[in-house]
Amino acid sequence: MSKQLVATAIGFAAILMWALLALFTAASGTMPPFQLTAITFAIGGGLGAISWLFRSGAMKTLKQPWPVWVLGVVGLFGYHFLYYTALRLAPPVEAGLIAYLWPLLIVVLSALLPGENLRWYHVAGSILGLIGTVLIVTKGKGVSIDWRYGHGYLAAFICAFTWSGYSVLSRRFAAVPTDIVVGFCLVTAMLSTGAHLVFENTIWPSDFSQWLAILGLGLLPVGAAFYVWDYGVKHGDIQVLGAASYAAPLLSTTILILAGFAEFSWAIGGAALLVTSGAVLASKDLIFKPKSS
């Protein structure tokens, strides 16, 4: 098994963890988004920092050039700030769909990286995934764009470019160890705390199960996921990871159905077919790569 295939599989683990985001968020209660972001990123950063106790010298990873820090902080905090801003300024369905252009943008922008070639099946696979995502989010009822919410749509669009740009440009810093994500998470937690104090009222969980959901968020989709994603986009097939990212909302909806928070529909069945077909198409080179003699 090649190193690239292993790294791609590691990166895909982030997509599996992000599929738990909706379930854990729904179970976390009514905590405001920036407060929730601050706590969960603190947990995610703390998770990585604890590992330093068993790896001498790992903390030295934080000593990196300023472009590395700008990229990481803008990627993690900037994405979440713009995402929640978009949801405040525009209807959540439309804003969420615009923000979820990032997998398609990763595939397209990755063509600018050295050694990467953009093929028609990369783009076609990503578009199939996008259509599947639209079906899931809209439940097959279509989308209406109201330009009165133009500022929210713009924030969502910049949000999509922020995460896709972070993911693609991370490959330019492939030599930087993934331990740096610890610093990105902790700085994001601090900045999110500031945003919470400015924009929100503090609401604490009302029972132990909500605290468990918040802990789950910090350990997995807002914790370990960012570490494995960093490794995946730096060393794996970034175009496959971009197209495969459309599986996250499908998996998330499936988990919600199994947990009793949603019901199955024809739109979800159609989305499953589209997302799966798109992921296979975009991964054609990786799946059907001829064996070297």
C-alpha atoms as a PDB file:
ATOM      1  CA  MET A   1       0.000   0.000   0.000  1.00  0.00           C
ATOM      2  CA  SER A   2       1.480   3.343  -1.074  1.00  0.00           C
ATOM      3  CA  LYS A   3       2.186   6.185   1.318  1.00  0.00           C
ATOM      4  CA  GLN A   4      -0.238   8.407  -0.621  1.00  0.00           C
ATOM      5  CA  LEU A   5      -3.052   5.873  -0.284  1.00  0.00           C
ATOM      6  CA  VAL A   6      -2.462   5.574   3.460  1.00  0.00           C
ATOM      7  CA  ALA A   7      -2.416   9.365   3.840  1.00  0.00           C
ATOM      8  CA  THR A   8      -5.636   9.643   1.814  1.00  0.00           C
ATOM      9  CA  ALA A   9      -7.301   7.082   4.068  1.00  0.00           C
ATOM     10  CA  ILE A  10      -6.127   9.015   7.136  1.00  0.00           C
ATOM     11  CA  GLY A  11      -7.558  12.220   5.662  1.00  0.00           C
ATOM     12  CA  PHE A  12     -10.858  10.459   4.957  1.00  0.00           C
ATOM     13  CA  ALA A  13     -11.105   9.696   8.673  1.00  0.00           C
ATOM     14  CA  ALA A  14     -11.747  13.435   9.142  1.00  0.00           C
ATOM     15  CA  ILE A  15     -14.781  13.191   6.857  1.00  0.00           C
ATOM     16  CA  LEU A  16     -16.115  10.316   8.966  1.00  0.00           C
ATOM     17  CA  MET A  17     -15.655  12.386  12.125  1.00  0.00           C
ATOM     18  CA  TRP A  18     -17.319  15.445  10.572  1.00  0.00           C
ATOM     19  CA  ALA A  19     -20.327  13.203   9.913  1.00  0.00           C
ATOM     20  CA  LEU A  20     -20.852  13.213  13.703  1.00  0.00           C
ATOM     21  CA  LEU A  21     -20.910  17.013  13.862  1.00  0.00           C
ATOM     22  CA  ALA A  22     -24.672  17.454  13.401  1.00  0.00           C
ATOM     23  CA  LEU A  23     -25.556  14.718  15.908  1.00  0.00           C
ATOM     24  CA  PHE A  24     -23.259  16.010  18.648  1.00  0.00           C
ATOM     25  CA  THR A  25     -24.285  19.609  18.000  1.00  0.00           C
ATOM     26  CA  ALA A  26     -27.974  18.715  18.222  1.00  0.00           C
ATOM     27  CA  ALA A  27     -27.318  16.897  21.492  1.00  0.00           C
ATOM     28  CA  SER A  28     -25.234  19.733  22.970  1.00  0.00           C
ATOM     29  CA  GLY A  29     -28.218  21.949  23.784  1.00  0.00           C
ATOM     30  CA  THR A  30     -28.627  25.661  23.053  1.00  0.00           C
ATOM     31  CA  MET A  31     -25.097  26.925  23.627  1.00  0.00           C
ATOM     32  CA  PRO A  32     -24.322  29.833  21.218  1.00  0.00           C
ATOM     33  CA  PRO A  33     -22.053  28.882  18.280  1.00  0.00           C
ATOM     34  CA  PHE A  34     -18.974  30.937  19.184  1.00  0.00           C
ATOM     35  CA  GLN A  35     -19.107  29.783  22.808  1.00  0.00           C
ATOM     36  CA  LEU A  36     -19.409  26.189  21.588  1.00  0.00           C
ATOM     37  CA  THR A  37     -16.549  26.744  19.134  1.00  0.00           C
ATOM     38  CA  ALA A  38     -14.324  28.180  21.857  1.00  0.00           C
ATOM     39  CA  ILE A  39     -14.898  25.242  24.223  1.00  0.00           C
ATOM     40  CA  THR A  40     -14.599  22.507  21.610  1.00  0.00           C
ATOM     41  CA  PHE A  41     -11.442  23.939  20.036  1.00  0.00           C
ATOM     42  CA  ALA A  42      -9.931  24.238  23.515  1.00  0.00           C
ATOM     43  CA  ILE A  43     -10.672  20.536  23.991  1.00  0.00           C
ATOM     44  CA  GLY A  44      -9.288  19.708  20.536  1.00  0.00           C
ATOM     45  CA  GLY A  45      -6.122  21.708  21.126  1.00  0.00           C
ATOM     46  CA  GLY A  46      -5.736  20.276  24.604  1.00  0.00           C
ATOM     47  CA  LEU A  47      -6.042  16.768  23.152  1.00  0.00           C
ATOM     48  CA  GLY A  48      -2.965  17.359  21.014  1.00  0.00           C
ATOM     49  CA  ALA A  49      -1.076  19.172  23.769  1.00  0.00           C
ATOM     50  CA  ILE A  50      -1.527  16.214  26.125  1.00  0.00           C
ATOM     51  CA  SER A  51       0.234  14.009  23.595  1.00  0.00           C
ATOM     52  CA  TRP A  52       3.313  16.216  23.969  1.00  0.00           C
ATOM     53  CA  LEU A  53       3.765  14.821  27.484  1.00  0.00           C
ATOM     54  CA  PHE A  54       4.737  11.522  25.866  1.00  0.00           C
ATOM     55  CA  ARG A  55       6.781  12.974  22.978  1.00  0.00           C
ATOM     56  CA  SER A  56       9.702  15.092  24.073  1.00  0.00           C
ATOM     57  CA  GLY A  57      10.443  18.011  21.775  1.00  0.00           C
ATOM     58  CA  ALA A  58       7.040  18.000  20.061  1.00  0.00           C
ATOM     59  CA  MET A  59       6.257  21.456  21.442  1.00  0.00           C
ATOM     60  CA  LYS A  60       9.096  22.882  19.360  1.00  0.00           C
ATOM     61  CA  THR A  61       6.782  22.398  16.366  1.00  0.00           C
ATOM     62  CA  LEU A  62       5.067  25.665  17.351  1.00  0.00           C
ATOM     63  CA  LYS A  63       8.139  27.579  16.213  1.00  0.00           C
ATOM     64  CA  GLN A  64       7.128  28.132  12.596  1.00  0.00           C
ATOM     65  CA  PRO A  65       7.325  31.046  10.104  1.00  0.00           C
ATOM     66  CA  TRP A  66       4.474  33.566  10.327  1.00  0.00           C
ATOM     67  CA  PRO A  67       2.856  32.457   6.995  1.00  0.00           C
ATOM     68  CA  VAL A  68       2.223  29.022   8.526  1.00  0.00           C
ATOM     69  CA  TRP A  69       0.445  30.587  11.502  1.00  0.00           C
ATOM     70  CA  VAL A  70      -1.571  32.993   9.348  1.00  0.00           C
ATOM     71  CA  LEU A  71      -2.729  30.147   7.118  1.00  0.00           C
ATOM     72  CA  GLY A  72      -3.735  27.932  10.040  1.00  0.00           C
ATOM     73  CA  VAL A  73      -5.524  30.565  12.115  1.00  0.00           C
ATOM     74  CA  VAL A  74      -7.334  32.066   9.116  1.00  0.00           C
ATOM     75  CA  GLY A  75      -8.282  28.556   8.000  1.00  0.00           C
ATOM     76  CA  LEU A  76      -9.723  27.357  11.300  1.00  0.00           C
ATOM     77  CA  PHE A  77     -10.994  30.514  12.968  1.00  0.00           C
ATOM     78  CA  GLY A  78     -11.730  32.406   9.749  1.00  0.00           C
ATOM     79  CA  TYR A  79     -13.842  29.585   8.365  1.00  0.00           C
ATOM     80  CA  HIS A  80     -15.963  29.265  11.510  1.00  0.00           C
ATOM     81  CA  PHE A  81     -16.334  33.021  11.950  1.00  0.00           C
ATOM     82  CA  LEU A  82     -17.510  33.473   8.357  1.00  0.00           C
ATOM     83  CA  TYR A  83     -19.770  30.415   8.539  1.00  0.00           C
ATOM     84  CA  TYR A  84     -21.635  31.599  11.625  1.00  0.00           C
ATOM     85  CA  THR A  85     -21.769  35.152  10.248  1.00  0.00           C
ATOM     86  CA  ALA A  86     -23.353  33.816   7.054  1.00  0.00           C
ATOM     87  CA  LEU A  87     -25.955  31.903   9.058  1.00  0.00           C
ATOM     88  CA  ARG A  88     -26.850  35.080  10.959  1.00  0.00           C
ATOM     89  CA  LEU A  89     -27.177  37.212   7.818  1.00  0.00           C
ATOM     90  CA  ALA A  90     -28.885  34.765   5.435  1.00  0.00           C
ATOM     91  CA  PRO A  91     -31.302  31.791   5.532  1.00  0.00           C
ATOM     92  CA  PRO A  92     -29.319  28.821   6.872  1.00  0.00           C
ATOM     93  CA  VAL A  93     -30.128  26.387   4.040  1.00  0.00           C
ATOM     94  CA  GLU A  94     -28.923  28.678   1.258  1.00  0.00           C
ATOM     95  CA  ALA A  95     -25.954  29.961   3.273  1.00  0.00           C
ATOM     96  CA  GLY A  96     -24.943  26.429   4.220  1.00  0.00           C
ATOM     97  CA  LEU A  97     -25.066  25.237   0.614  1.00  0.00           C
ATOM     98  CA  ILE A  98     -22.914  28.133  -0.592  1.00  0.00           C
ATOM     99  CA  ALA A  99     -20.423  27.488   2.203  1.00  0.00           C
ATOM    100  CA  TYR A 100     -20.328  23.826   1.196  1.00  0.00           C
ATOM    101  CA  LEU A 101     -18.826  24.681  -2.169  1.00  0.00           C
ATOM    102  CA  TRP A 102     -15.452  24.100  -0.493  1.00  0.00           C
ATOM    103  CA  PRO A 103     -15.019  20.449  -1.589  1.00  0.00           C
ATOM    104  CA  LEU A 104     -15.520  21.435  -5.233  1.00  0.00           C
ATOM    105  CA  LEU A 105     -13.161  24.394  -4.789  1.00  0.00           C
ATOM    106  CA  ILE A 106     -10.499  22.107  -3.286  1.00  0.00           C
ATOM    107  CA  VAL A 107     -10.632  19.934  -6.393  1.00  0.00           C
ATOM    108  CA  VAL A 108     -10.418  22.931  -8.748  1.00  0.00           C
ATOM    109  CA  LEU A 109      -7.784  24.893  -6.810  1.00  0.00           C
ATOM    110  CA  SER A 110      -5.588  21.826  -6.337  1.00  0.00           C
ATOM    111  CA  ALA A 111      -4.772  22.033 -10.044  1.00  0.00           C
ATOM    112  CA  LEU A 112      -2.568  25.016  -9.146  1.00  0.00           C
ATOM    113  CA  LEU A 113      -0.321  22.800  -6.993  1.00  0.00           C
ATOM    114  CA  PRO A 114       2.935  21.411  -8.403  1.00  0.00           C
ATOM    115  CA  GLY A 115       2.525  17.905  -9.754  1.00  0.00           C
ATOM    116  CA  GLU A 116      -1.291  17.983  -9.723  1.00  0.00           C
ATOM    117  CA  ASN A 117      -3.448  17.702 -12.841  1.00  0.00           C
ATOM    118  CA  LEU A 118      -7.144  18.529 -12.961  1.00  0.00           C
ATOM    119  CA  ARG A 119      -9.095  15.962 -14.969  1.00  0.00           C
ATOM    120  CA  TRP A 120     -12.704  16.093 -16.109  1.00  0.00           C
ATOM    121  CA  TYR A 121     -13.677  13.239 -13.783  1.00  0.00           C
ATOM    122  CA  HIS A 122     -12.352  15.135 -10.736  1.00  0.00           C
ATOM    123  CA  VAL A 123     -14.692  18.035 -11.473  1.00  0.00           C
ATOM    124  CA  ALA A 124     -17.588  15.815 -12.584  1.00  0.00           C
ATOM    125  CA  GLY A 125     -17.325  13.717  -9.425  1.00  0.00           C
ATOM    126  CA  SER A 126     -17.323  16.824  -7.244  1.00  0.00           C
ATOM    127  CA  ILE A 127     -20.357  18.255  -9.041  1.00  0.00           C
ATOM    128  CA  LEU A 128     -22.261  15.002  -8.512  1.00  0.00           C
ATOM    129  CA  GLY A 129     -21.407  15.262  -4.827  1.00  0.00           C
ATOM    130  CA  LEU A 130     -22.577  18.869  -4.733  1.00  0.00           C
ATOM    131  CA  ILE A 131     -25.906  17.947  -6.336  1.00  0.00           C
ATOM    132  CA  GLY A 132     -26.300  15.175  -3.775  1.00  0.00           C
ATOM    133  CA  THR A 133     -25.622  17.648  -0.980  1.00  0.00           C
ATOM    134  CA  VAL A 134     -28.264  20.004  -2.375  1.00  0.00           C
ATOM    135  CA  LEU A 135     -30.781  17.140  -2.308  1.00  0.00           C
ATOM    136  CA  ILE A 136     -29.944  16.339   1.321  1.00  0.00           C
ATOM    137  CA  VAL A 137     -30.078  19.903   2.605  1.00  0.00           C
ATOM    138  CA  THR A 138     -33.149  21.022   0.647  1.00  0.00           C
ATOM    139  CA  LYS A 139     -34.991  17.647   0.920  1.00  0.00           C
ATOM    140  CA  GLY A 140     -35.594  17.883  -2.825  1.00  0.00           C
ATOM    141  CA  LYS A 141     -37.627  21.080  -2.548  1.00  0.00           C
ATOM    142  CA  GLY A 142     -35.194  23.354  -4.374  1.00  0.00           C
ATOM    143  CA  VAL A 143     -33.340  26.496  -3.359  1.00  0.00           C
ATOM    144  CA  SER A 144     -34.476  30.097  -3.620  1.00  0.00           C
ATOM    145  CA  ILE A 145     -31.925  32.897  -3.619  1.00  0.00           C
ATOM    146  CA  ASP A 146     -33.131  36.206  -2.164  1.00  0.00           C
ATOM    147  CA  TRP A 147     -30.574  38.922  -2.808  1.00  0.00           C
ATOM    148  CA  ARG A 148     -31.780  40.865   0.218  1.00  0.00           C
ATOM    149  CA  TYR A 149     -29.448  38.513   2.051  1.00  0.00           C
ATOM    150  CA  GLY A 150     -26.533  39.289  -0.252  1.00  0.00           C
ATOM    151  CA  HIS A 151     -24.122  40.040   2.606  1.00  0.00           C
ATOM    152  CA  GLY A 152     -24.816  36.631   4.123  1.00  0.00           C
ATOM    153  CA  TYR A 153     -24.315  34.886   0.776  1.00  0.00           C
ATOM    154  CA  LEU A 154     -21.030  36.744   0.312  1.00  0.00           C
ATOM    155  CA  ALA A 155     -19.839  35.675   3.762  1.00  0.00           C
ATOM    156  CA  ALA A 156     -20.735  32.065   2.908  1.00  0.00           C
ATOM    157  CA  PHE A 157     -18.885  32.266  -0.410  1.00  0.00           C
ATOM    158  CA  ILE A 158     -15.750  33.679   1.246  1.00  0.00           C
ATOM    159  CA  CYS A 159     -16.155  30.974   3.884  1.00  0.00           C
ATOM    160  CA  ALA A 160     -15.985  28.283   1.171  1.00  0.00           C
ATOM    161  CA  PHE A 161     -12.848  29.843  -0.306  1.00  0.00           C
ATOM    162  CA  THR A 162     -11.307  30.123   3.169  1.00  0.00           C
ATOM    163  CA  TRP A 163     -11.491  26.417   3.984  1.00  0.00           C
ATOM    164  CA  SER A 164     -10.608  25.264   0.474  1.00  0.00           C
ATOM    165  CA  GLY A 165      -7.692  27.717   0.378  1.00  0.00           C
ATOM    166  CA  TYR A 166      -6.448  26.517   3.757  1.00  0.00           C
ATOM    167  CA  SER A 167      -6.659  22.875   2.663  1.00  0.00           C
ATOM    168  CA  VAL A 168      -4.894  23.410  -0.661  1.00  0.00           C
ATOM    169  CA  LEU A 169      -2.207  25.791   0.611  1.00  0.00           C
ATOM    170  CA  SER A 170      -1.420  23.444   3.504  1.00  0.00           C
ATOM    171  CA  ARG A 171       0.211  21.220   0.909  1.00  0.00           C
ATOM    172  CA  ARG A 172       2.774  23.966   0.295  1.00  0.00           C
ATOM    173  CA  PHE A 173       3.821  23.467   3.933  1.00  0.00           C
ATOM    174  CA  ALA A 174       3.911  19.667   3.798  1.00  0.00           C
ATOM    175  CA  ALA A 175       7.188  19.652   5.746  1.00  0.00           C
ATOM    176  CA  VAL A 176       5.500  21.303   8.756  1.00  0.00           C
ATOM    177  CA  PRO A 177       4.527  18.581  11.279  1.00  0.00           C
ATOM    178  CA  THR A 178       0.846  18.097  12.061  1.00  0.00           C
ATOM    179  CA  ASP A 179       1.597  19.039  15.687  1.00  0.00           C
ATOM    180  CA  ILE A 180       1.229  22.671  14.596  1.00  0.00           C
ATOM    181  CA  VAL A 181      -2.544  22.074  14.482  1.00  0.00           C
ATOM    182  CA  VAL A 182      -2.443  22.132  18.299  1.00  0.00           C
ATOM    183  CA  GLY A 183      -1.456  25.797  18.112  1.00  0.00           C
ATOM    184  CA  PHE A 184      -4.077  26.546  15.454  1.00  0.00           C
ATOM    185  CA  CYS A 185      -6.812  25.038  17.649  1.00  0.00           C
ATOM    186  CA  LEU A 186      -5.772  26.886  20.799  1.00  0.00           C
ATOM    187  CA  VAL A 187      -5.549  30.261  19.030  1.00  0.00           C
ATOM    188  CA  THR A 188      -8.935  29.599  17.415  1.00  0.00           C
ATOM    189  CA  ALA A 189     -10.358  28.865  20.868  1.00  0.00           C
ATOM    190  CA  MET A 190      -9.068  32.200  22.187  1.00  0.00           C
ATOM    191  CA  LEU A 191     -10.374  34.193  19.209  1.00  0.00           C
ATOM    192  CA  SER A 192     -13.740  32.411  19.413  1.00  0.00           C
ATOM    193  CA  THR A 193     -13.950  33.363  23.085  1.00  0.00           C
ATOM    194  CA  GLY A 194     -13.523  37.006  22.080  1.00  0.00           C
ATOM    195  CA  ALA A 195     -16.203  36.680  19.384  1.00  0.00           C
ATOM    196  CA  HIS A 196     -18.528  35.080  21.931  1.00  0.00           C
ATOM    197  CA  LEU A 197     -18.068  37.903  24.421  1.00  0.00           C
ATOM    198  CA  VAL A 198     -18.785  40.493  21.703  1.00  0.00           C
ATOM    199  CA  PHE A 199     -21.707  38.854  19.873  1.00  0.00           C
ATOM    200  CA  GLU A 200     -23.388  36.386  22.230  1.00  0.00           C
ATOM    201  CA  ASN A 201     -24.878  35.739  25.648  1.00  0.00           C
ATOM    202  CA  THR A 202     -23.364  32.887  27.634  1.00  0.00           C
ATOM    203  CA  ILE A 203     -25.514  29.751  27.984  1.00  0.00           C
ATOM    204  CA  TRP A 204     -24.221  26.677  29.818  1.00  0.00           C
ATOM    205  CA  PRO A 205     -25.420  23.081  29.337  1.00  0.00           C
ATOM    206  CA  SER A 206     -28.360  22.066  31.495  1.00  0.00           C
ATOM    207  CA  ASP A 207     -27.451  18.398  31.992  1.00  0.00           C
ATOM    208  CA  PHE A 208     -24.565  15.931  31.888  1.00  0.00           C
ATOM    209  CA  SER A 209     -25.536  14.458  28.501  1.00  0.00           C
ATOM    210  CA  GLN A 210     -25.048  17.851  26.856  1.00  0.00           C
ATOM    211  CA  TRP A 211     -21.566  18.090  28.371  1.00  0.00           C
ATOM    212  CA  LEU A 212     -20.813  14.625  26.957  1.00  0.00           C
ATOM    213  CA  ALA A 213     -21.928  15.800  23.496  1.00  0.00           C
ATOM    214  CA  ILE A 214     -19.663  18.857  23.775  1.00  0.00           C
ATOM    215  CA  LEU A 215     -16.774  16.620  24.845  1.00  0.00           C
ATOM    216  CA  GLY A 216     -17.481  14.394  21.846  1.00  0.00           C
ATOM    217  CA  LEU A 217     -17.380  17.425  19.559  1.00  0.00           C
ATOM    218  CA  GLY A 218     -14.029  18.538  20.955  1.00  0.00           C
ATOM    219  CA  LEU A 219     -12.454  15.095  20.764  1.00  0.00           C
ATOM    220  CA  LEU A 220     -13.607  14.113  17.267  1.00  0.00           C
ATOM    221  CA  PRO A 221     -15.134  16.533  14.667  1.00  0.00           C
ATOM    222  CA  VAL A 222     -13.583  19.653  16.225  1.00  0.00           C
ATOM    223  CA  GLY A 223     -10.488  17.877  17.492  1.00  0.00           C
ATOM    224  CA  ALA A 224      -8.876  14.791  15.991  1.00  0.00           C
ATOM    225  CA  ALA A 225     -10.509  15.508  12.609  1.00  0.00           C
ATOM    226  CA  PHE A 226      -8.326  18.567  12.032  1.00  0.00           C
ATOM    227  CA  TYR A 227      -5.156  16.594  12.754  1.00  0.00           C
ATOM    228  CA  VAL A 228      -5.913  13.783  10.322  1.00  0.00           C
ATOM    229  CA  TRP A 229      -7.196  16.259   7.710  1.00  0.00           C
ATOM    230  CA  ASP A 230      -3.917  18.177   7.937  1.00  0.00           C
ATOM    231  CA  TYR A 231      -1.948  14.984   7.314  1.00  0.00           C
ATOM    232  CA  GLY A 232      -4.263  13.881   4.528  1.00  0.00           C
ATOM    233  CA  VAL A 233      -4.202  17.085   2.487  1.00  0.00           C
ATOM    234  CA  LYS A 234      -0.423  17.363   2.896  1.00  0.00           C
ATOM    235  CA  HIS A 235       0.492  13.817   1.889  1.00  0.00           C
ATOM    236  CA  GLY A 236      -2.580  12.184   0.329  1.00  0.00           C
ATOM    237  CA  ASP A 237      -4.592  12.628  -2.879  1.00  0.00           C
ATOM    238  CA  ILE A 238      -6.125  16.043  -2.233  1.00  0.00           C
ATOM    239  CA  GLN A 239      -8.479  15.850  -5.217  1.00  0.00           C
ATOM    240  CA  VAL A 240      -9.971  12.591  -3.992  1.00  0.00           C
ATOM    241  CA  LEU A 241     -10.314  14.018  -0.484  1.00  0.00           C
ATOM    242  CA  GLY A 242     -12.051  17.095  -1.856  1.00  0.00           C
ATOM    243  CA  ALA A 243     -14.616  15.081  -3.816  1.00  0.00           C
ATOM    244  CA  ALA A 244     -15.070  12.566  -0.983  1.00  0.00           C
ATOM    245  CA  SER A 245     -15.868  15.401   1.431  1.00  0.00           C
ATOM    246  CA  TYR A 246     -19.378  15.516  -0.012  1.00  0.00           C
ATOM    247  CA  ALA A 247     -19.946  12.217   1.799  1.00  0.00           C
ATOM    248  CA  ALA A 248     -19.955  14.088   5.140  1.00  0.00           C
ATOM    249  CA  PRO A 249     -23.507  15.536   4.902  1.00  0.00           C
ATOM    250  CA  LEU A 250     -24.809  12.210   3.584  1.00  0.00           C
ATOM    251  CA  LEU A 251     -23.207  10.256   6.426  1.00  0.00           C
ATOM    252  CA  SER A 252     -24.327  12.926   8.880  1.00  0.00           C
ATOM    253  CA  THR A 253     -27.949  12.626   7.735  1.00  0.00           C
ATOM    254  CA  THR A 254     -27.750   8.829   7.910  1.00  0.00           C
ATOM    255  CA  ILE A 255     -26.528   9.032  11.506  1.00  0.00           C
ATOM    256  CA  LEU A 256     -29.339  11.460  12.381  1.00  0.00           C
ATOM    257  CA  ILE A 257     -31.869   9.028  10.881  1.00  0.00           C
ATOM    258  CA  LEU A 258     -30.453   6.116  12.879  1.00  0.00           C
ATOM    259  CA  ALA A 259     -30.494   8.267  16.033  1.00  0.00           C
ATOM    260  CA  GLY A 260     -34.125   9.249  15.446  1.00  0.00           C
ATOM    261  CA  PHE A 261     -33.481  12.918  14.667  1.00  0.00           C
ATOM    262  CA  ALA A 262     -34.517  12.646  10.969  1.00  0.00           C
ATOM    263  CA  GLU A 263     -36.531  10.448   8.590  1.00  0.00           C
ATOM    264  CA  PHE A 264     -35.511   8.676   5.383  1.00  0.00           C
ATOM    265  CA  SER A 265     -36.786  10.118   2.080  1.00  0.00           C
ATOM    266  CA  TRP A 266     -36.325   9.671  -1.655  1.00  0.00           C
ATOM    267  CA  ALA A 267     -34.062  12.725  -1.671  1.00  0.00           C
ATOM    268  CA  ILE A 268     -31.659  11.016   0.733  1.00  0.00           C
ATOM    269  CA  GLY A 269     -31.666   7.850  -1.373  1.00  0.00           C
ATOM    270  CA  GLY A 270     -30.920   9.863  -4.516  1.00  0.00           C
ATOM    271  CA  ALA A 271     -28.223  11.805  -2.699  1.00  0.00           C
ATOM    272  CA  ALA A 272     -26.579   8.545  -1.610  1.00  0.00           C
ATOM    273  CA  LEU A 273     -26.369   7.403  -5.232  1.00  0.00           C
ATOM    274  CA  LEU A 274     -25.015  10.757  -6.448  1.00  0.00           C
ATOM    275  CA  VAL A 275     -22.423  11.175  -3.700  1.00  0.00           C
ATOM    276  CA  THR A 276     -21.185   7.594  -4.005  1.00  0.00           C
ATOM    277  CA  SER A 277     -20.981   7.796  -7.804  1.00  0.00           C
ATOM    278  CA  GLY A 278     -19.187  11.129  -7.582  1.00  0.00           C
ATOM    279  CA  ALA A 279     -16.635   9.855  -5.079  1.00  0.00           C
ATOM    280  CA  VAL A 280     -15.888   6.768  -7.188  1.00  0.00           C
ATOM    281  CA  LEU A 281     -15.584   8.854 -10.360  1.00  0.00           C
ATOM    282  CA  ALA A 282     -13.254  11.399  -8.755  1.00  0.00           C
ATOM    283  CA  SER A 283     -11.163   8.566  -7.282  1.00  0.00           C
ATOM    284  CA  LYS A 284     -10.790   6.763 -10.615  1.00  0.00           C
ATOM    285  CA  ASP A 285      -7.022   7.107 -10.736  1.00  0.00           C
ATOM    286  CA  LEU A 286      -6.604   5.959  -7.146  1.00  0.00           C
ATOM    287  CA  ILE A 287      -9.034   3.015  -7.338  1.00  0.00           C
ATOM    288  CA  PHE A 288      -8.232   1.741 -10.823  1.00  0.00           C
ATOM    289  CA  LYS A 289      -4.541   2.610 -10.896  1.00  0.00           C
ATOM    290  CA  PRO A 290      -2.779  -0.141 -12.851  1.00  0.00           C
ATOM    291  CA  LYS A 291      -0.352  -2.239 -10.869  1.00  0.00           C
ATOM    292  CA  SER A 292       3.289  -1.644 -11.738  1.00  0.00           C
ATOM    293  CA  SER A 293       4.982  -4.642 -13.201  1.00  0.00           C
END
